[in-house]
Amino acid sequence: MALSWITSLVVFVAVIALMVFSISRLKIHPFLSILGCALLLALLMGIPLRSIADVLGKGFSNIFASIGLVIILGTLIGLILEKSGAAMRLAESVLRHMGKKHPQLAIMLIGWVLSIPVFCDSGFVIVNPIRKWMSRKSGVSSVTMTVALAAGLYVAHVFIPPTPGPVAAAGMVGLGDNLILVILVGAALSVFPLAAGYIFANRVGKKVHSSDETEETDIAEIIEGRNLPSTWLSVLPIILPIVFMGVGSLVSVLKMEGWGADLFFFLGKPVIALASGVICSLPLLRYVKDQETSSKLYGITENTLRTAGPIVFITAAGAMLGQVIYDAGFVELIKANAGIFSALGILFPFLIAAILKTAQGSSTVAMTTTAGMMGMFSSSESLMSAMGMTTPLSAALVVMAIGAGAMTVSHANDSYFWVVTRFGGLNVKDGYRTQTKLTLIMGVVSAAVLYVASLMI
């Protein structure tokens, strides 16, 4: 027996609230929480018992087929850059070109570039010695430099592939083969939260002080003490996949034919493009401190699977929830009440992701879960379709809205909060005054820009 739309909406909200509670308070693993709530929602909404397993399996398998390899390959590139010192070389290169005149901007851009392939938590640890040294040499507040670095790292972490969160969200809304669009939109959008973060960093640095302001750091010893790869060798695994994806997208848009077009279309597929990045990163292995190249690659690959595995499975769980949402009739419910939801527009996925982020702490979980609910823009079976978001550009804006929500806000249940506060020499109270306020400001600014952009397309 079909439920009324009000009852259906209440059931949906209650199940989502239960999911958030089970992850944040009961500390149940997100994969099990999302899977359990997907099953509960299917039962409460009256999906036939004989069909529930097939519904869940459909959502699960679709994600593995589309973006599982992309997430793994992107994570592998990031870990090789981190372990080989290539990430440090990229940071040093940005520092050399603009660090003397604009130290706050330099450290922010270092974070932004570094977080495209490397997780923001690891990125902060890698660059922290440079941050301390730049603060001491320039006389700029240590807190200002901490906040600027945290901002740069976080923006790329939620907006720009091949970071796993944006990759997963892009794949789940139907842009798995058009990551270059997500990269370009993410890079363009980054300007606004970075500007807001820059202004906030300069202001808050005058009010808050850290315990590391008197520490001495010799950056020359840190950099020269290691045998780092060249800048070109360090940046190639990032640049080449982006170039391949860009050329592949151009071939597709222009509908070019011939063996050359086929080759570039092949190379532009995200899986192949990122595989080329992995190949280009292999020479970096000789800079990893270990015995043999084969053991280095084996160990890093093992770490990659440990890191990417939970992300892939949580993403798949989110896809199962999204499939249940469709089969339960929520898409038709939204279409029937389009006036209510159209008022929110792009803010709808932002608010869902922000609630999930604030409640349970993980940006990646917030992104994958929200994207799973939204579904693919090209499918009439999705919330995207129900809300009129049916073009690649509108789908890219949805990915950005999800990312903006997934940074709003970082507080004590977020591992990144503790990395920034501990390595930045801040106590918990000052962490809330800096990191939490920063992520709130950047998230709201990003959402406002996206809302205006959505009205123009």
Protein backbone atom coordinates (compact mmCIF):
# COMPACT_ATOMS: atom_id res chain seq x y z
CA MET A 1 0.00 0.00 0.00
CA ALA A 2 1.45 3.33 -1.12
CA LEU A 3 2.16 5.91 1.57
CA SER A 4 1.05 9.53 1.30
CA TRP A 5 3.74 11.97 0.23
CA ILE A 6 3.87 13.56 3.69
CA THR A 7 4.29 10.16 5.36
CA SER A 8 6.94 9.19 2.80
CA LEU A 9 8.85 12.40 3.48
CA VAL A 10 8.70 11.83 7.25
CA VAL A 11 9.96 8.26 6.81
CA PHE A 12 12.80 9.48 4.61
CA VAL A 13 13.87 12.19 7.06
CA ALA A 14 13.67 9.76 9.99
CA VAL A 15 15.83 7.16 8.23
CA ILE A 16 18.44 9.78 7.26
CA ALA A 17 18.45 11.07 10.84
CA LEU A 18 18.97 7.51 12.06
CA MET A 19 21.87 7.10 9.63
CA VAL A 20 23.54 10.28 10.89
CA PHE A 21 22.97 9.24 14.53
CA SER A 22 24.36 5.73 13.99
CA ILE A 23 27.54 7.10 12.37
CA SER A 24 28.18 10.07 14.66
CA ARG A 25 26.93 8.82 18.05
CA LEU A 26 26.90 5.03 17.92
CA LYS A 27 30.19 4.99 15.98
CA ILE A 28 28.93 2.35 13.55
CA HIS A 29 31.05 2.19 10.40
CA PRO A 30 29.53 4.38 7.63
CA PHE A 31 29.34 1.41 5.24
CA LEU A 32 27.19 -0.60 7.65
CA SER A 33 25.14 2.44 8.69
CA ILE A 34 24.30 3.46 5.13
CA LEU A 35 23.63 -0.14 4.06
CA GLY A 36 21.38 -0.77 7.08
CA CYS A 37 19.43 2.43 6.52
CA ALA A 38 19.04 1.66 2.81
CA LEU A 39 17.57 -1.72 3.75
CA LEU A 40 15.30 -0.15 6.40
CA LEU A 41 14.08 2.50 3.98
CA ALA A 42 13.29 -0.18 1.39
CA LEU A 43 11.23 -2.13 3.93
CA LEU A 44 9.36 0.92 5.28
CA MET A 45 8.54 2.20 1.81
CA GLY A 46 7.03 -1.09 0.75
CA ILE A 47 9.50 -2.29 -1.86
CA PRO A 48 8.65 -5.99 -2.44
CA LEU A 49 10.78 -8.33 -0.36
CA ARG A 50 11.77 -10.34 -3.43
CA SER A 51 13.14 -7.19 -5.11
CA ILE A 52 15.11 -5.55 -2.27
CA ALA A 53 18.30 -7.58 -2.75
CA ASP A 54 18.29 -6.86 -6.49
CA VAL A 55 17.77 -3.14 -5.86
CA LEU A 56 20.73 -3.00 -3.46
CA GLY A 57 22.90 -5.10 -5.78
CA LYS A 58 22.16 -2.85 -8.73
CA GLY A 59 23.32 0.26 -6.93
CA PHE A 60 26.41 -1.50 -5.54
CA SER A 61 27.61 -2.96 -8.84
CA ASN A 62 27.06 0.22 -10.87
CA ILE A 63 29.52 2.17 -8.74
CA PHE A 64 32.21 -0.50 -8.80
CA ALA A 65 31.95 -0.63 -12.58
CA SER A 66 32.17 3.13 -13.06
CA ILE A 67 34.55 4.76 -10.57
CA GLY A 68 36.14 2.14 -8.32
CA LEU A 69 39.37 2.02 -10.38
CA VAL A 70 39.49 5.81 -10.69
CA ILE A 71 39.49 6.22 -6.92
CA ILE A 72 42.20 3.58 -6.46
CA LEU A 73 44.49 4.98 -9.17
CA GLY A 74 44.10 8.56 -7.93
CA THR A 75 44.96 7.47 -4.40
CA LEU A 76 48.00 5.54 -5.65
CA ILE A 77 49.39 8.62 -7.44
CA GLY A 78 48.92 10.69 -4.30
CA LEU A 79 50.73 8.22 -2.07
CA ILE A 80 53.68 7.91 -4.45
CA LEU A 81 54.01 11.71 -4.55
CA GLU A 82 53.86 11.81 -0.76
CA LYS A 83 56.32 8.98 -0.02
CA SER A 84 58.87 10.00 -2.67
CA GLY A 85 59.17 13.61 -1.55
CA ALA A 86 57.63 14.87 -4.80
CA ALA A 87 54.92 16.62 -2.77
CA MET A 88 57.64 18.45 -0.84
CA ARG A 89 59.31 19.43 -4.11
CA LEU A 90 56.03 20.89 -5.45
CA ALA A 91 55.64 22.91 -2.25
CA GLU A 92 59.24 24.12 -2.48
CA SER A 93 58.71 25.17 -6.11
CA VAL A 94 55.71 27.36 -5.29
CA LEU A 95 57.61 28.77 -2.31
CA ARG A 96 60.60 29.66 -4.49
CA HIS A 97 58.50 31.57 -7.02
CA MET A 98 56.26 33.65 -4.76
CA GLY A 99 56.97 32.93 -1.10
CA LYS A 100 59.04 36.03 -0.30
CA LYS A 101 56.54 38.71 -1.31
CA HIS A 102 53.24 36.96 -0.52
CA PRO A 103 53.87 34.26 2.11
CA GLN A 104 50.19 33.81 3.07
CA LEU A 105 49.13 33.44 -0.55
CA ALA A 106 52.10 31.18 -1.28
CA ILE A 107 51.31 28.77 1.54
CA MET A 108 47.63 28.73 0.53
CA LEU A 109 48.49 27.88 -3.09
CA ILE A 110 50.98 25.26 -1.92
CA GLY A 111 48.13 23.62 -0.01
CA TRP A 112 45.70 23.95 -2.92
CA VAL A 113 48.09 22.35 -5.45
CA LEU A 114 49.26 19.65 -3.08
CA SER A 115 45.76 18.57 -2.05
CA ILE A 116 44.72 17.75 -5.62
CA PRO A 117 46.56 14.39 -5.45
CA VAL A 118 47.29 14.15 -1.68
CA PHE A 119 44.78 13.93 1.20
CA CYS A 120 44.50 17.22 3.09
CA ASP A 121 45.52 15.59 6.41
CA SER A 122 48.78 14.27 4.94
CA GLY A 123 49.32 17.49 3.02
CA PHE A 124 49.24 19.59 6.18
CA VAL A 125 51.79 17.34 7.90
CA ILE A 126 54.08 17.49 4.83
CA VAL A 127 53.99 21.28 4.47
CA ASN A 128 53.89 22.20 8.17
CA PRO A 129 57.68 22.63 8.49
CA ILE A 130 57.61 25.01 5.50
CA ARG A 131 54.74 26.92 7.11
CA LYS A 132 56.69 27.43 10.34
CA TRP A 133 59.80 28.54 8.49
CA MET A 134 57.89 30.99 6.26
CA SER A 135 56.14 32.46 9.29
CA ARG A 136 59.42 33.03 11.13
CA LYS A 137 61.25 34.48 8.12
CA SER A 138 58.40 36.78 6.98
CA GLY A 139 57.14 37.87 10.38
CA VAL A 140 53.59 36.88 9.40
CA SER A 141 51.52 35.41 12.24
CA SER A 142 51.88 31.64 12.63
CA VAL A 143 48.08 31.41 12.97
CA THR A 144 47.57 33.32 9.73
CA MET A 145 49.86 30.89 7.95
CA THR A 146 48.13 27.89 9.57
CA VAL A 147 44.66 29.05 8.50
CA ALA A 148 45.84 29.93 4.98
CA LEU A 149 47.43 26.48 4.54
CA ALA A 150 44.37 24.71 5.98
CA ALA A 151 42.12 26.65 3.59
CA GLY A 152 44.14 25.83 0.48
CA LEU A 153 44.31 22.14 1.34
CA TYR A 154 40.61 21.84 2.13
CA VAL A 155 39.29 23.61 -0.97
CA ALA A 156 41.08 21.26 -3.38
CA HIS A 157 40.19 18.30 -1.15
CA VAL A 158 36.44 18.78 -1.72
CA PHE A 159 36.36 20.33 -5.21
CA ILE A 160 39.03 18.90 -7.48
CA PRO A 161 39.63 15.32 -8.72
CA PRO A 162 41.56 13.05 -8.47
CA THR A 163 40.97 13.51 -4.73
CA PRO A 164 38.67 10.53 -3.94
CA GLY A 165 35.70 12.57 -2.63
CA PRO A 166 35.15 14.68 -5.76
CA VAL A 167 35.96 11.69 -7.99
CA ALA A 168 33.32 9.58 -6.25
CA ALA A 169 30.71 12.36 -6.31
CA ALA A 170 31.36 13.07 -9.99
CA GLY A 171 30.97 9.41 -10.90
CA MET A 172 27.76 9.04 -8.93
CA VAL A 173 26.07 12.00 -10.65
CA GLY A 174 27.09 10.74 -14.10
CA LEU A 175 30.31 12.65 -14.78
CA GLY A 176 32.70 9.75 -14.35
CA ASP A 177 33.83 10.08 -17.98
CA ASN A 178 33.93 13.89 -17.87
CA LEU A 179 36.21 14.59 -14.92
CA ILE A 180 37.91 17.40 -16.82
CA LEU A 181 34.68 19.41 -16.56
CA VAL A 182 34.61 18.86 -12.79
CA ILE A 183 38.30 19.85 -12.55
CA LEU A 184 37.73 23.07 -14.51
CA VAL A 185 34.59 24.05 -12.59
CA GLY A 186 36.30 23.16 -9.31
CA ALA A 187 39.36 25.26 -10.16
CA ALA A 188 37.17 28.23 -11.13
CA LEU A 189 35.01 27.96 -8.01
CA SER A 190 38.09 27.64 -5.79
CA VAL A 191 38.89 31.33 -6.30
CA PHE A 192 35.97 32.45 -4.12
CA PRO A 193 36.44 30.34 -0.97
CA LEU A 194 40.21 30.84 -1.22
CA ALA A 195 39.71 34.61 -1.30
CA ALA A 196 37.38 34.39 1.70
CA GLY A 197 39.86 32.13 3.50
CA TYR A 198 42.73 34.54 2.75
CA ILE A 199 40.86 37.50 4.22
CA PHE A 200 39.81 35.50 7.29
CA ALA A 201 43.35 34.19 7.82
CA ASN A 202 44.78 37.69 7.93
CA ARG A 203 42.14 38.88 10.37
CA VAL A 204 42.10 35.95 12.76
CA GLY A 205 45.91 35.90 12.91
CA LYS A 206 45.78 39.22 14.76
CA LYS A 207 43.45 37.83 17.45
CA VAL A 208 44.63 34.26 18.04
CA HIS A 209 48.12 33.09 18.99
CA SER A 210 49.71 29.65 18.79
CA SER A 211 52.30 27.80 20.83
CA ASP A 212 54.66 27.30 17.89
CA GLU A 213 55.40 30.99 17.29
CA THR A 214 58.75 30.74 19.05
CA GLU A 215 59.87 27.46 17.46
CA GLU A 216 62.91 27.45 15.17
CA THR A 217 62.70 25.61 11.86
CA ASP A 218 65.49 25.36 9.27
CA ILE A 219 63.73 24.74 5.97
CA ALA A 220 67.03 24.43 4.09
CA GLU A 221 67.94 21.49 6.28
CA ILE A 222 64.52 19.88 5.68
CA ILE A 223 64.67 20.20 1.89
CA GLU A 224 68.39 19.85 1.24
CA GLY A 225 68.63 16.98 3.68
CA ARG A 226 66.56 14.85 1.33
CA ASN A 227 67.23 13.65 -2.17
CA LEU A 228 64.09 15.13 -3.74
CA PRO A 229 62.95 14.56 -7.35
CA SER A 230 62.92 17.39 -9.87
CA THR A 231 59.92 19.71 -10.15
CA TRP A 232 59.09 18.42 -13.64
CA LEU A 233 59.20 14.80 -12.54
CA SER A 234 57.03 15.67 -9.53
CA VAL A 235 54.33 17.54 -11.44
CA LEU A 236 54.07 15.22 -14.48
CA PRO A 237 51.84 12.57 -12.76
CA ILE A 238 49.32 15.36 -12.00
CA ILE A 239 49.49 17.30 -15.26
CA LEU A 240 49.49 14.43 -17.77
CA PRO A 241 46.13 12.89 -16.73
CA ILE A 242 44.53 16.35 -16.79
CA VAL A 243 45.89 17.00 -20.29
CA PHE A 244 44.71 13.60 -21.53
CA MET A 245 41.23 14.08 -20.06
CA GLY A 246 41.04 17.57 -21.58
CA VAL A 247 42.02 16.40 -25.06
CA GLY A 248 39.68 13.41 -24.79
CA SER A 249 36.78 15.70 -23.88
CA LEU A 250 37.63 17.97 -26.82
CA VAL A 251 37.61 15.02 -29.22
CA SER A 252 34.23 13.95 -27.86
CA VAL A 253 32.67 17.44 -28.05
CA LEU A 254 33.92 18.07 -31.60
CA LYS A 255 32.88 14.52 -32.64
CA MET A 256 36.22 13.94 -34.32
CA GLU A 257 36.80 10.69 -36.23
CA GLY A 258 39.82 8.62 -37.24
CA TRP A 259 42.47 6.55 -35.52
CA GLY A 260 44.07 9.63 -33.94
CA ALA A 261 40.76 10.73 -32.46
CA ASP A 262 40.13 7.19 -31.22
CA LEU A 263 43.55 7.16 -29.54
CA PHE A 264 43.00 10.46 -27.71
CA PHE A 265 39.46 9.44 -26.77
CA PHE A 266 40.95 6.26 -25.26
CA LEU A 267 43.68 8.17 -23.41
CA GLY A 268 41.09 10.69 -22.17
CA LYS A 269 39.07 8.10 -20.31
CA PRO A 270 39.65 8.82 -16.59
CA VAL A 271 40.81 5.27 -15.84
CA ILE A 272 43.38 5.36 -18.67
CA ALA A 273 44.43 8.96 -17.95
CA LEU A 274 45.06 8.18 -14.29
CA ALA A 275 46.83 4.95 -15.24
CA SER A 276 49.19 7.09 -17.33
CA GLY A 277 49.75 9.22 -14.23
CA VAL A 278 50.65 6.10 -12.27
CA ILE A 279 53.14 5.07 -14.97
CA CYS A 280 54.71 8.56 -14.93
CA SER A 281 55.02 8.37 -11.15
CA LEU A 282 57.01 5.10 -11.18
CA PRO A 283 60.41 6.85 -11.64
CA LEU A 284 59.69 8.63 -8.34
CA LEU A 285 59.97 5.31 -6.51
CA ARG A 286 63.76 5.54 -6.48
CA TYR A 287 63.39 8.52 -4.12
CA VAL A 288 61.40 6.45 -1.61
CA LYS A 289 63.52 5.27 1.30
CA ASP A 290 63.45 1.48 1.04
CA GLN A 291 65.45 -1.44 -0.23
CA GLU A 292 64.19 -2.47 -3.67
CA THR A 293 61.93 -0.74 -6.17
CA SER A 294 59.58 -3.73 -6.33
CA SER A 295 59.09 -3.75 -2.56
CA LYS A 296 58.51 0.02 -2.58
CA LEU A 297 55.73 -0.28 -5.18
CA TYR A 298 54.24 -3.30 -3.41
CA GLY A 299 54.14 -1.50 -0.06
CA ILE A 300 52.64 1.70 -1.48
CA THR A 301 50.04 -0.31 -3.41
CA GLU A 302 49.09 -2.12 -0.20
CA ASN A 303 48.66 1.23 1.57
CA THR A 304 46.63 2.51 -1.39
CA LEU A 305 44.17 -0.38 -1.15
CA ARG A 306 43.83 0.16 2.60
CA THR A 307 43.12 3.86 2.04
CA ALA A 308 40.91 3.62 -1.05
CA GLY A 309 39.04 0.45 -0.04
CA PRO A 310 36.81 2.05 2.61
CA ILE A 311 36.10 4.98 0.28
CA VAL A 312 35.03 2.68 -2.56
CA PHE A 313 32.77 0.62 -0.30
CA ILE A 314 31.20 3.68 1.36
CA THR A 315 30.61 5.11 -2.12
CA ALA A 316 28.94 1.86 -3.15
CA ALA A 317 26.75 1.96 -0.04
CA GLY A 318 25.69 5.49 -0.96
CA ALA A 319 24.77 4.24 -4.43
CA MET A 320 22.63 1.51 -2.88
CA LEU A 321 20.78 4.14 -0.85
CA GLY A 322 20.30 6.18 -4.01
CA GLN A 323 18.84 3.18 -5.83
CA VAL A 324 16.42 2.56 -2.97
CA ILE A 325 15.38 6.22 -3.05
CA TYR A 326 14.41 5.81 -6.69
CA ASP A 327 12.67 2.44 -6.35
CA ALA A 328 10.79 3.68 -3.29
CA GLY A 329 9.17 6.40 -5.39
CA PHE A 330 10.90 9.50 -4.01
CA VAL A 331 11.76 10.75 -7.47
CA GLU A 332 8.08 10.79 -8.42
CA LEU A 333 7.26 12.42 -5.08
CA ILE A 334 9.67 15.29 -5.81
CA LYS A 335 8.39 15.65 -9.36
CA ALA A 336 4.85 15.90 -8.03
CA ASN A 337 5.95 18.59 -5.56
CA ALA A 338 8.60 20.24 -7.71
CA GLY A 339 7.63 23.73 -6.60
CA ILE A 340 8.66 23.05 -3.01
CA PHE A 341 12.09 21.63 -3.87
CA SER A 342 12.89 23.90 -6.82
CA ALA A 343 13.02 26.83 -4.39
CA LEU A 344 16.09 25.24 -2.79
CA GLY A 345 17.68 24.22 -6.09
CA ILE A 346 21.44 23.81 -5.79
CA LEU A 347 21.21 24.47 -2.04
CA PHE A 348 19.42 21.12 -1.53
CA PRO A 349 22.54 18.92 -2.01
CA PHE A 350 24.61 21.55 -0.14
CA LEU A 351 22.38 21.33 2.94
CA ILE A 352 22.27 17.51 2.92
CA ALA A 353 26.08 17.29 2.67
CA ALA A 354 26.54 19.99 5.34
CA ILE A 355 24.26 18.13 7.77
CA LEU A 356 26.12 14.88 7.17
CA LYS A 357 29.54 16.54 7.43
CA THR A 358 28.78 18.41 10.64
CA ALA A 359 27.20 15.36 12.25
CA GLN A 360 29.78 12.68 11.48
CA GLY A 361 32.99 14.50 10.54
CA SER A 362 34.12 12.86 7.29
CA SER A 363 33.94 15.01 4.16
CA THR A 364 34.30 11.94 1.94
CA VAL A 365 31.38 10.15 3.62
CA ALA A 366 29.26 13.30 3.33
CA MET A 367 30.08 13.65 -0.38
CA THR A 368 29.55 10.04 -1.36
CA THR A 369 26.33 9.67 0.62
CA THR A 370 24.81 12.87 -0.76
CA ALA A 371 25.86 12.09 -4.33
CA GLY A 372 24.34 8.64 -3.98
CA MET A 373 21.03 10.22 -3.02
CA MET A 374 21.11 12.61 -5.98
CA GLY A 375 21.82 9.96 -8.64
CA MET A 376 22.85 10.50 -12.27
CA PHE A 377 21.86 13.61 -14.19
CA SER A 378 21.18 11.58 -17.34
CA SER A 379 18.74 9.20 -15.65
CA SER A 380 15.04 9.90 -15.39
CA GLU A 381 15.15 7.72 -12.27
CA SER A 382 17.20 10.19 -10.19
CA LEU A 383 16.62 13.14 -7.88
CA MET A 384 18.80 15.13 -10.27
CA SER A 385 16.23 14.62 -12.99
CA ALA A 386 13.35 15.39 -10.64
CA MET A 387 14.94 18.73 -9.70
CA GLY A 388 15.72 19.69 -13.31
CA MET A 389 19.50 19.19 -13.09
CA THR A 390 19.85 17.32 -16.37
CA THR A 391 22.94 18.78 -18.09
CA PRO A 392 26.65 18.07 -17.53
CA LEU A 393 27.24 21.63 -16.33
CA SER A 394 24.39 21.53 -13.83
CA ALA A 395 25.68 18.15 -12.64
CA ALA A 396 29.16 19.66 -12.15
CA LEU A 397 27.59 22.43 -10.06
CA VAL A 398 25.85 19.79 -7.97
CA VAL A 399 29.23 18.11 -7.33
CA MET A 400 30.57 21.50 -6.22
CA ALA A 401 27.53 22.09 -3.97
CA ILE A 402 28.08 18.69 -2.37
CA GLY A 403 31.76 19.55 -1.89
CA ALA A 404 30.88 22.93 -0.35
CA GLY A 405 28.53 21.21 2.08
CA ALA A 406 31.18 18.59 2.84
CA MET A 407 33.50 21.28 4.22
CA THR A 408 30.78 22.88 6.38
CA VAL A 409 31.90 22.60 9.12
CA SER A 410 35.11 21.02 10.46
CA HIS A 411 35.09 20.54 14.22
CA ALA A 412 36.06 18.03 16.90
CA ASN A 413 34.64 14.96 15.12
CA ASP A 414 36.80 15.64 12.03
CA SER A 415 40.35 14.23 11.88
CA TYR A 416 41.47 17.26 9.84
CA PHE A 417 40.44 19.56 12.70
CA TRP A 418 42.86 17.77 15.01
CA VAL A 419 45.68 17.73 12.43
CA VAL A 420 45.37 21.50 11.92
CA THR A 421 45.08 22.36 15.62
CA ARG A 422 47.81 20.02 16.86
CA PHE A 423 50.39 20.76 14.17
CA GLY A 424 49.39 24.44 14.15
CA GLY A 425 50.02 24.78 17.90
CA LEU A 426 46.38 25.65 18.68
CA ASN A 427 44.23 24.58 21.62
CA VAL A 428 40.69 23.30 21.10
CA LYS A 429 39.04 26.66 21.82
CA ASP A 430 41.25 28.41 19.27
CA GLY A 431 40.64 25.53 16.85
CA TYR A 432 36.96 26.43 16.88
CA ARG A 433 37.82 30.13 16.42
CA THR A 434 40.01 29.34 13.41
CA GLN A 435 39.39 26.03 11.63
CA THR A 436 35.66 25.76 12.38
CA LYS A 437 34.94 29.40 11.49
CA LEU A 438 37.12 29.11 8.38
CA THR A 439 35.22 26.11 7.02
CA LEU A 440 31.87 27.73 7.78
CA ILE A 441 32.85 30.90 5.91
CA MET A 442 34.29 29.05 2.91
CA GLY A 443 31.32 26.69 2.71
CA VAL A 444 28.73 29.49 2.83
CA VAL A 445 30.65 31.62 0.32
CA SER A 446 30.91 28.66 -2.06
CA ALA A 447 27.19 27.90 -1.70
CA ALA A 448 26.26 31.53 -2.40
CA VAL A 449 28.42 31.63 -5.55
CA LEU A 450 26.97 28.32 -6.73
CA TYR A 451 23.40 29.50 -6.14
CA VAL A 452 24.00 32.59 -8.29
CA ALA A 453 25.71 30.46 -10.97
CA SER A 454 22.80 28.00 -11.01
CA LEU A 455 20.37 30.83 -11.73
CA MET A 456 22.41 31.81 -14.79
CA ILE A 457 22.55 28.43 -16.55
